[in-house]
C-alpha atoms as a PDB file:
ATOM      1  CA  MET A   1       9.389   8.810  -1.618  1.00  0.00           C
ATOM      2  CA  ARG A   2       8.140   9.714   2.114  1.00  0.00           C
ATOM      3  CA  ALA A   3       7.869   7.114   4.791  1.00  0.00           C
ATOM      4  CA  VAL A   4       6.626   8.013   8.489  1.00  0.00           C
ATOM      5  CA  VAL A   5       7.966   4.905  10.385  1.00  0.00           C
ATOM      6  CA  GLN A   6       7.015   3.766  13.615  1.00  0.00           C
ATOM      7  CA  ARG A   7       8.133   1.273  15.989  1.00  0.00           C
ATOM      8  CA  THR A   8       5.079  -0.732  17.079  1.00  0.00           C
ATOM      9  CA  SER A   9       3.960  -3.617  19.545  1.00  0.00           C
ATOM     10  CA  SER A  10       1.206  -3.987  17.112  1.00  0.00           C
ATOM     11  CA  SER A  11      -1.060  -2.645  14.649  1.00  0.00           C
ATOM     12  CA  TYR A  12      -3.506  -3.276  12.030  1.00  0.00           C
ATOM     13  CA  VAL A  13      -5.837  -1.668   9.208  1.00  0.00           C
ATOM     14  CA  GLU A  14      -9.284  -1.985   8.190  1.00  0.00           C
ATOM     15  CA  VAL A  15     -11.223  -1.523   5.178  1.00  0.00           C
ATOM     16  CA  ASP A  16     -15.296  -1.127   5.751  1.00  0.00           C
ATOM     17  CA  ASN A  17     -14.945  -2.468   9.013  1.00  0.00           C
ATOM     18  CA  GLU A  18     -13.235  -5.579   8.051  1.00  0.00           C
ATOM     19  CA  LYS A  19      -9.553  -6.138   9.316  1.00  0.00           C
ATOM     20  CA  VAL A  20      -7.491  -6.843   6.010  1.00  0.00           C
ATOM     21  CA  ALA A  21      -3.717  -6.718   7.678  1.00  0.00           C
ATOM     22  CA  GLU A  22      -2.684  -7.139  11.123  1.00  0.00           C
ATOM     23  CA  ILE A  23       1.045  -7.496  12.748  1.00  0.00           C
ATOM     24  CA  SER A  24       2.803  -7.804  15.947  1.00  0.00           C
ATOM     25  CA  ASP A  25       6.106  -6.276  16.769  1.00  0.00           C
ATOM     26  CA  GLY A  26       7.767  -4.455  13.794  1.00  0.00           C
ATOM     27  CA  LEU A  27       7.254  -1.262  12.062  1.00  0.00           C
ATOM     28  CA  THR A  28       4.048   0.471  10.612  1.00  0.00           C
ATOM     29  CA  VAL A  29       4.690   2.459   7.977  1.00  0.00           C
ATOM     30  CA  LEU A  30       2.941   5.297   5.886  1.00  0.00           C
ATOM     31  CA  LEU A  31       4.272   5.383   2.577  1.00  0.00           C
ATOM     32  CA  GLY A  32       3.937   8.282  -0.018  1.00  0.00           C
ATOM     33  CA  VAL A  33       5.021   8.413  -3.610  1.00  0.00           C
ATOM     34  CA  LYS A  34       5.829  11.682  -5.356  1.00  0.00           C
ATOM     35  CA  SER A  35       5.636  12.054  -8.907  1.00  0.00           C
ATOM     36  CA  GLY A  36       8.547  11.264 -10.828  1.00  0.00           C
ATOM     37  CA  ASP A  37       9.891   8.997  -8.016  1.00  0.00           C
ATOM     38  CA  THR A  38      12.345   6.182  -9.347  1.00  0.00           C
ATOM     39  CA  LEU A  39      13.053   2.612  -8.530  1.00  0.00           C
ATOM     40  CA  LYS A  40      16.345   4.662  -7.102  1.00  0.00           C
ATOM     41  CA  ASN A  41      14.086   6.277  -4.295  1.00  0.00           C
ATOM     42  CA  ALA A  42      11.987   3.185  -3.622  1.00  0.00           C
ATOM     43  CA  GLU A  43      14.974   1.228  -2.882  1.00  0.00           C
ATOM     44  CA  TYR A  44      16.621   3.700  -0.860  1.00  0.00           C
ATOM     45  CA  ILE A  45      13.523   4.019   1.327  1.00  0.00           C
ATOM     46  CA  MET A  46      13.042   0.385   1.530  1.00  0.00           C
ATOM     47  CA  ASP A  47      17.015  -0.131   2.572  1.00  0.00           C
ATOM     48  CA  LYS A  48      16.644   2.582   5.185  1.00  0.00           C
ATOM     49  CA  ILE A  49      13.138   1.042   6.644  1.00  0.00           C
ATOM     50  CA  LEU A  50      14.620  -2.382   6.663  1.00  0.00           C
ATOM     51  CA  ASN A  51      18.060  -1.417   8.506  1.00  0.00           C
ATOM     52  CA  LEU A  52      16.566   1.433  10.758  1.00  0.00           C
ATOM     53  CA  ARG A  53      18.215   0.644  14.115  1.00  0.00           C
ATOM     54  CA  ILE A  54      15.626   1.352  16.374  1.00  0.00           C
ATOM     55  CA  PHE A  55      14.859  -1.645  18.051  1.00  0.00           C
ATOM     56  CA  GLU A  56      16.771  -2.418  21.404  1.00  0.00           C
ATOM     57  CA  ASP A  57      19.499  -4.567  21.753  1.00  0.00           C
ATOM     58  CA  GLU A  58      20.263  -6.489  25.221  1.00  0.00           C
ATOM     59  CA  THR A  59      21.751  -3.223  26.765  1.00  0.00           C
ATOM     60  CA  GLY A  60      18.445  -1.294  25.898  1.00  0.00           C
ATOM     61  CA  LYS A  61      20.164   0.555  23.269  1.00  0.00           C
ATOM     62  CA  MET A  62      18.410   1.334  19.887  1.00  0.00           C
ATOM     63  CA  ASN A  63      20.986  -1.410  17.938  1.00  0.00           C
ATOM     64  CA  ASN A  64      18.893  -3.384  16.105  1.00  0.00           C
ATOM     65  CA  SER A  65      17.015  -3.300  13.021  1.00  0.00           C
ATOM     66  CA  VAL A  66      13.419  -4.709  12.259  1.00  0.00           C
ATOM     67  CA  LEU A  67      15.228  -7.557  10.183  1.00  0.00           C
ATOM     68  CA  ASP A  68      17.883  -8.262  13.415  1.00  0.00           C
ATOM     69  CA  ILE A  69      14.593  -8.972  15.468  1.00  0.00           C
ATOM     70  CA  GLN A  70      12.869 -10.983  12.958  1.00  0.00           C
ATOM     71  CA  GLY A  71       9.936  -8.348  13.167  1.00  0.00           C
ATOM     72  CA  GLU A  72       7.012  -7.613  10.724  1.00  0.00           C
ATOM     73  CA  ILE A  73       6.062  -4.562   8.503  1.00  0.00           C
ATOM     74  CA  LEU A  74       2.921  -2.850   7.837  1.00  0.00           C
ATOM     75  CA  VAL A  75       2.676  -0.732   4.920  1.00  0.00           C
ATOM     76  CA  ILE A  76      -0.282   1.642   4.215  1.00  0.00           C
ATOM     77  CA  SER A  77      -0.087   3.981   1.086  1.00  0.00           C
ATOM     78  CA  GLN A  78      -0.823   7.308   2.174  1.00  0.00           C
ATOM     79  CA  PHE A  79      -0.512   9.939  -0.627  1.00  0.00           C
ATOM     80  CA  THR A  80      -1.492  12.961   1.888  1.00  0.00           C
ATOM     81  CA  LEU A  81       2.062  12.629   3.029  1.00  0.00           C
ATOM     82  CA  TYR A  82       2.679  14.945  -0.088  1.00  0.00           C
ATOM     83  CA  GLY A  83      -0.061  17.689   0.931  1.00  0.00           C
ATOM     84  CA  ASP A  84       1.404  21.094   0.657  1.00  0.00           C
ATOM     85  CA  VAL A  85      -0.266  23.398   2.749  1.00  0.00           C
ATOM     86  CA  ARG A  86       2.277  26.545   2.509  1.00  0.00           C
ATOM     87  CA  LYS A  87      -0.401  28.592   0.572  1.00  0.00           C
ATOM     88  CA  GLY A  88      -3.618  28.728   2.329  1.00  0.00           C
ATOM     89  CA  ARG A  89      -5.268  26.307   4.595  1.00  0.00           C
ATOM     90  CA  ARG A  90      -6.450  23.588   2.244  1.00  0.00           C
ATOM     91  CA  PRO A  91      -3.721  20.971   1.395  1.00  0.00           C
ATOM     92  CA  SER A  92      -2.671  20.648  -2.424  1.00  0.00           C
ATOM     93  CA  PHE A  93      -1.637  17.342  -3.383  1.00  0.00           C
ATOM     94  CA  THR A  94      -0.025  18.428  -6.933  1.00  0.00           C
ATOM     95  CA  GLU A  95       3.179  16.615  -5.891  1.00  0.00           C
ATOM     96  CA  ALA A  96       1.936  13.224  -4.995  1.00  0.00           C
ATOM     97  CA  ALA A  97       2.063  10.479  -7.823  1.00  0.00           C
ATOM     98  CA  LEU A  98      -1.102   9.752  -9.753  1.00  0.00           C
ATOM     99  CA  PRO A  99      -2.789   6.793  -8.704  1.00  0.00           C
ATOM    100  CA  ASP A 100      -1.212   4.486 -11.326  1.00  0.00           C
ATOM    101  CA  GLU A 101       2.090   5.356 -10.910  1.00  0.00           C
ATOM    102  CA  ALA A 102       2.047   5.380  -6.943  1.00  0.00           C
ATOM    103  CA  SER A 103       0.429   1.737  -6.812  1.00  0.00           C
ATOM    104  CA  ALA A 104       3.321   0.705  -8.839  1.00  0.00           C
ATOM    105  CA  MET A 105       5.938   2.174  -6.690  1.00  0.00           C
ATOM    106  CA  ILE A 106       4.066   0.817  -3.506  1.00  0.00           C
ATOM    107  CA  ASP A 107       3.967  -2.729  -4.901  1.00  0.00           C
ATOM    108  CA  TYR A 108       7.534  -2.482  -5.923  1.00  0.00           C
ATOM    109  CA  CYS A 109       8.686  -1.259  -2.498  1.00  0.00           C
ATOM    110  CA  ILE A 110       6.568  -4.720  -1.048  1.00  0.00           C
ATOM    111  CA  ASP A 111       8.331  -7.017  -3.470  1.00  0.00           C
ATOM    112  CA  TYR A 112      11.786  -5.423  -2.838  1.00  0.00           C
ATOM    113  CA  ALA A 113      11.459  -5.979   0.901  1.00  0.00           C
ATOM    114  CA  ARG A 114      10.049  -9.492   0.714  1.00  0.00           C
ATOM    115  CA  LYS A 115      13.157 -10.389  -0.893  1.00  0.00           C
ATOM    116  CA  TYR A 116      14.640  -9.908   2.746  1.00  0.00           C
ATOM    117  CA  ASP A 117      12.391 -12.771   4.115  1.00  0.00           C
ATOM    118  CA  ILE A 118      10.194 -10.291   6.262  1.00  0.00           C
ATOM    119  CA  ASN A 119       6.500 -10.470   6.842  1.00  0.00           C
ATOM    120  CA  ILE A 120       5.047  -7.638   5.224  1.00  0.00           C
ATOM    121  CA  LYS A 121       1.588  -6.865   5.196  1.00  0.00           C
ATOM    122  CA  THR A 122      -0.339  -3.941   3.317  1.00  0.00           C
ATOM    123  CA  GLY A 123      -3.460  -1.982   3.402  1.00  0.00           C
ATOM    124  CA  ILE A 124      -5.522  -1.727   0.134  1.00  0.00           C
ATOM    125  CA  PHE A 125      -4.240   0.972  -2.383  1.00  0.00           C
ATOM    126  CA  ALA A 126      -6.910   4.155  -2.450  1.00  0.00           C
ATOM    127  CA  ALA A 127      -9.153   2.501   0.032  1.00  0.00           C
ATOM    128  CA  ASN A 128     -10.580   4.342   3.091  1.00  0.00           C
ATOM    129  CA  MET A 129      -8.433   2.655   5.931  1.00  0.00           C
ATOM    130  CA  GLN A 130      -8.700   2.861   9.527  1.00  0.00           C
ATOM    131  CA  VAL A 131      -5.328   2.418  10.642  1.00  0.00           C
ATOM    132  CA  SER A 132      -4.605   1.142  14.684  1.00  0.00           C
ATOM    133  CA  LEU A 133      -1.419   0.942  16.290  1.00  0.00           C
ATOM    134  CA  ILE A 134       0.556   0.646  19.536  1.00  0.00           C
ATOM    135  CA  ASN A 135       3.624   2.807  19.150  1.00  0.00           C
ATOM    136  CA  ASN A 136       6.338   1.733  21.008  1.00  0.00           C
ATOM    137  CA  GLY A 137       8.281   3.885  22.585  1.00  0.00           C
ATOM    138  CA  PRO A 138       6.890   6.367  21.198  1.00  0.00           C
ATOM    139  CA  CYS A 139       9.158   6.060  18.535  1.00  0.00           C
ATOM    140  CA  THR A 140       8.831   7.562  14.964  1.00  0.00           C
ATOM    141  CA  ILE A 141      11.331   8.385  12.359  1.00  0.00           C
ATOM    142  CA  ILE A 142      10.313  10.553   9.214  1.00  0.00           C
ATOM    143  CA  LEU A 143      12.240   9.566   5.745  1.00  0.00           C
ATOM    144  CA  ASP A 144      12.187  11.523   2.728  1.00  0.00           C
ATOM    145  CA  SER A 145      14.443   9.970  -0.364  1.00  0.00           C
ATOM    146  CA  GLU A 146      14.544  13.472  -2.072  1.00  0.00           C
ATOM    147  CA  LYS A 147      16.679  14.696   0.581  1.00  0.00           C
ATOM    148  CA  ASN A 148      19.458  11.759  -0.165  1.00  0.00           C
ATOM    149  CA  PHE A 149      20.024  12.341  -3.502  1.00  0.00           C
END
């Protein structure tokens, strides 16, 4: 799995000009599923996201996680994180999981995070979404579970 994690002071997602999810201080996460990803990949990614120490403590250092600050998370599924442009100019998405597999893994990630009593919201899987955010910092981290096994 791949995730682009942004520390945000607010973010929301719209589908068909209707706001479907919104958060305040926390993380906006673009999450992609690779074909063959397992629950181990999902748990690794979610543990990293939940425990990333990218929020400032009282001394101004990045020492707190989204759990520590009781922040929120907005997760947006994004198969294009597996776009491969090494050959030609048009991305190939052959590494991305098929929709049924990807949807199930995204749902697992959401359920996994909810065990930590955190407010987590999502876009609508496979919808044409418009994501708006205010990146706080800016602070953006890229995670890839495949590089850690």
